[in-house]
N, C-alpha and C. Protein backbone atom coordinates (compact mmCIF):
# COMPACT_ATOMS: atom_id res chain seq x y z
N MET A 1 -15.69 -23.62 -17.25
CA MET A 1 -15.27 -22.40 -17.44
C MET A 1 -14.95 -21.94 -16.01
N PRO A 2 -13.81 -20.97 -16.13
CA PRO A 2 -13.21 -20.91 -14.80
C PRO A 2 -13.90 -19.13 -14.45
N PRO A 3 -14.19 -19.35 -12.75
CA PRO A 3 -15.01 -18.30 -12.44
C PRO A 3 -14.19 -16.57 -12.69
N THR A 4 -15.42 -15.87 -13.60
CA THR A 4 -14.87 -14.55 -14.04
C THR A 4 -15.67 -13.14 -13.20
N LEU A 5 -15.14 -12.32 -13.38
CA LEU A 5 -15.90 -10.81 -12.81
C LEU A 5 -16.07 -10.18 -14.16
N GLU A 6 -17.10 -9.24 -14.68
CA GLU A 6 -17.15 -8.75 -15.51
C GLU A 6 -17.77 -7.43 -15.49
N VAL A 7 -17.31 -6.37 -15.71
CA VAL A 7 -17.60 -5.21 -14.92
C VAL A 7 -18.20 -4.14 -16.59
N LEU A 8 -18.90 -3.74 -16.62
CA LEU A 8 -19.92 -3.35 -17.56
C LEU A 8 -20.36 -2.14 -17.40
N VAL A 9 -19.83 -0.77 -18.17
CA VAL A 9 -20.39 0.79 -18.22
C VAL A 9 -21.12 0.76 -19.47
N ALA A 10 -22.28 1.32 -18.97
CA ALA A 10 -23.00 1.76 -20.38
C ALA A 10 -23.09 3.18 -20.65
N PRO A 11 -23.72 3.85 -21.60
CA PRO A 11 -23.63 4.63 -22.09
C PRO A 11 -23.98 5.89 -21.10
N ASP A 12 -24.91 5.08 -20.34
CA ASP A 12 -26.41 6.38 -19.16
C ASP A 12 -25.14 6.22 -18.32
N GLY A 13 -24.09 5.82 -18.08
CA GLY A 13 -23.68 5.58 -16.83
C GLY A 13 -23.24 4.48 -15.34
N SER A 14 -24.74 3.57 -16.44
CA SER A 14 -25.16 2.64 -15.18
C SER A 14 -23.86 1.38 -15.23
N VAL A 15 -23.55 0.91 -13.89
CA VAL A 15 -22.10 0.07 -14.01
C VAL A 15 -23.29 -1.35 -13.30
N GLN A 16 -22.68 -2.32 -13.94
CA GLN A 16 -22.92 -3.94 -13.64
C GLN A 16 -21.96 -4.56 -13.49
N VAL A 17 -21.92 -5.16 -12.61
CA VAL A 17 -21.14 -6.14 -12.12
C VAL A 17 -21.51 -7.54 -12.15
N LYS A 18 -21.05 -8.32 -12.68
CA LYS A 18 -21.11 -9.74 -13.03
C LYS A 18 -20.03 -10.91 -12.57
N ALA A 19 -20.65 -12.00 -11.70
CA ALA A 19 -19.52 -12.54 -11.36
C ALA A 19 -20.11 -14.07 -11.55
N GLN A 20 -19.73 -14.96 -12.68
CA GLN A 20 -19.80 -16.26 -13.34
C GLN A 20 -18.97 -17.07 -13.23
N GLY A 21 -19.93 -18.03 -12.84
CA GLY A 21 -18.66 -19.90 -12.68
C GLY A 21 -18.33 -19.75 -11.15
N PHE A 22 -18.87 -18.92 -10.32
CA PHE A 22 -18.74 -19.23 -8.62
C PHE A 22 -20.32 -20.13 -8.00
N THR A 23 -19.88 -20.89 -6.98
CA THR A 23 -20.72 -21.69 -6.52
C THR A 23 -20.96 -20.76 -5.04
N GLY A 24 -22.61 -20.94 -4.86
CA GLY A 24 -23.03 -20.58 -3.55
C GLY A 24 -22.74 -19.14 -3.53
N THR A 25 -22.56 -18.81 -2.36
CA THR A 25 -22.19 -17.44 -1.95
C THR A 25 -21.08 -16.83 -2.17
N SER A 26 -20.02 -17.88 -2.97
CA SER A 26 -18.65 -17.34 -3.01
C SER A 26 -18.63 -15.95 -4.11
N CYS A 27 -19.57 -16.01 -5.04
CA CYS A 27 -19.56 -14.71 -5.75
C CYS A 27 -19.73 -13.64 -5.13
N ARG A 28 -20.32 -13.63 -3.58
CA ARG A 28 -20.51 -12.31 -2.57
C ARG A 28 -18.97 -11.96 -2.59
N THR A 29 -18.18 -13.26 -2.03
CA THR A 29 -17.01 -12.83 -1.90
C THR A 29 -16.18 -12.18 -2.54
N ALA A 30 -16.17 -13.08 -3.78
CA ALA A 30 -15.70 -12.45 -5.01
C ALA A 30 -15.65 -10.82 -5.23
N THR A 31 -16.83 -10.75 -5.70
CA THR A 31 -17.38 -8.92 -5.57
C THR A 31 -16.92 -8.05 -4.40
N GLN A 32 -16.88 -8.31 -3.49
CA GLN A 32 -17.05 -7.63 -2.18
C GLN A 32 -15.90 -6.39 -2.49
N ALA A 33 -15.20 -6.88 -2.69
CA ALA A 33 -13.68 -5.88 -2.83
C ALA A 33 -13.79 -4.90 -3.81
N LEU A 34 -14.13 -5.46 -4.90
CA LEU A 34 -14.49 -4.68 -6.44
C LEU A 34 -15.71 -3.44 -6.28
N ILE A 35 -16.56 -4.16 -5.81
CA ILE A 35 -17.85 -2.89 -5.30
C ILE A 35 -17.50 -1.97 -4.56
N ALA A 36 -16.80 -2.24 -3.46
CA ALA A 36 -16.42 -1.40 -2.12
C ALA A 36 -15.11 -0.42 -2.72
N ALA A 37 -14.28 -0.91 -3.75
CA ALA A 37 -13.36 -0.01 -4.29
C ALA A 37 -14.21 0.58 -5.22
N LEU A 38 -15.47 0.66 -5.66
CA LEU A 38 -15.80 1.24 -6.87
C LEU A 38 -16.82 2.58 -6.37
N GLY A 39 -16.82 1.99 -4.96
CA GLY A 39 -17.74 2.66 -4.13
C GLY A 39 -19.03 3.07 -4.69
N LEU A 40 -19.66 1.56 -5.22
CA LEU A 40 -20.93 1.57 -5.54
C LEU A 40 -22.21 1.42 -4.99
N PRO A 41 -22.73 1.90 -4.71
CA PRO A 41 -23.94 1.41 -4.17
C PRO A 41 -24.93 0.23 -4.92
N THR A 42 -25.14 -0.83 -4.01
CA THR A 42 -25.74 -2.40 -4.90
C THR A 42 -27.07 -2.33 -4.94
N HIS A 43 -27.31 -3.02 -5.75
CA HIS A 43 -28.45 -3.51 -6.20
C HIS A 43 -28.39 -5.08 -6.77
N GLU A 44 -28.74 -6.04 -5.38
CA GLU A 44 -28.48 -7.34 -5.74
C GLU A 44 -29.54 -8.29 -6.39
N GLN A 45 -29.37 -8.92 -7.74
CA GLN A 45 -30.02 -9.65 -8.30
C GLN A 45 -29.33 -11.04 -8.16
N LEU A 46 -30.08 -11.98 -7.31
CA LEU A 46 -29.55 -13.31 -7.49
C LEU A 46 -29.96 -14.27 -8.70
N GLN A 47 -29.38 -14.47 -9.30
CA GLN A 47 -29.27 -15.97 -10.36
C GLN A 47 -29.65 -16.92 -9.47
N PRO A 48 -30.80 -17.89 -10.25
CA PRO A 48 -31.15 -19.29 -9.40
C PRO A 48 -29.90 -20.02 -8.96
N GLU A 49 -28.90 -19.75 -9.85
CA GLU A 49 -27.57 -20.93 -9.67
C GLU A 49 -27.15 -20.21 -8.30
N PHE A 50 -27.33 -19.65 -7.60
CA PHE A 50 -26.96 -18.77 -6.52
C PHE A 50 -27.41 -19.91 -5.20
N TYR A 51 -28.51 -20.70 -5.49
CA TYR A 51 -29.31 -21.58 -4.34
C TYR A 51 -29.06 -22.73 -4.92
N VAL A 52 -28.12 -23.11 -5.54
CA VAL A 52 -27.78 -24.60 -6.12
C VAL A 52 -26.78 -25.03 -5.07
N THR A 53 -26.42 -26.24 -5.28
CA THR A 53 -25.52 -27.19 -4.18
C THR A 53 -24.18 -26.32 -4.82
N ALA A 54 -23.15 -26.96 -3.97
CA ALA A 54 -21.50 -26.13 -4.55
C ALA A 54 -21.22 -27.04 -5.73
N SER A 55 -21.55 -27.82 -6.04
CA SER A 55 -21.25 -28.73 -7.14
C SER A 55 -21.59 -27.77 -8.37
N THR A 56 -22.14 -26.83 -8.35
CA THR A 56 -23.01 -26.45 -9.69
C THR A 56 -22.48 -25.01 -9.41
N HIS A 57 -22.31 -24.29 -11.03
CA HIS A 57 -22.09 -23.15 -10.88
C HIS A 57 -23.18 -21.58 -10.46
N ALA A 58 -22.85 -20.64 -9.94
CA ALA A 58 -23.45 -19.97 -9.88
C ALA A 58 -23.13 -18.30 -10.21
N SER A 59 -24.16 -17.19 -10.49
CA SER A 59 -23.70 -15.98 -10.92
C SER A 59 -24.92 -14.97 -10.25
N GLN A 60 -24.04 -13.66 -10.20
CA GLN A 60 -25.09 -12.70 -9.68
C GLN A 60 -24.43 -11.80 -10.67
N GLU A 61 -25.82 -10.92 -10.23
CA GLU A 61 -25.26 -9.59 -10.95
C GLU A 61 -26.02 -8.51 -10.21
N LEU A 62 -24.66 -7.54 -9.84
CA LEU A 62 -25.01 -6.40 -9.16
C LEU A 62 -25.36 -4.94 -10.06
N SER A 63 -25.91 -4.21 -9.75
CA SER A 63 -26.22 -3.05 -10.64
C SER A 63 -26.15 -1.59 -9.75
N HIS A 64 -25.65 -0.55 -10.75
CA HIS A 64 -26.10 1.13 -9.84
C HIS A 64 -26.39 1.38 -11.18
N ARG A 65 -27.43 2.51 -11.16
CA ARG A 65 -27.80 3.13 -11.99
C ARG A 65 -27.29 4.66 -11.69
N ALA A 66 -26.69 5.40 -12.33
CA ALA A 66 -25.89 6.88 -12.19
C ALA A 66 -27.16 7.61 -12.28
C-alpha cells in the first residue's frame, strides 16, 4: 500500500487527517503542511505502528472537533 493522506469532514464539522502507509515519524512530516494549511489545532492519536521499526507501516490520526 502506498502512503496516503485522508481528510475526513464529519457533518458536525469535526475534521480528521489520517496518514496511512508511513513508517515511524514520517507520518508527522507528511501531515505537517496539510495541518498548517488547514489551520487546525490538533489532537494526535498515535497508532501502535508508529513505534515499530522503519520496515513496517505506521498510521497516525489527527483530529479536531469544531
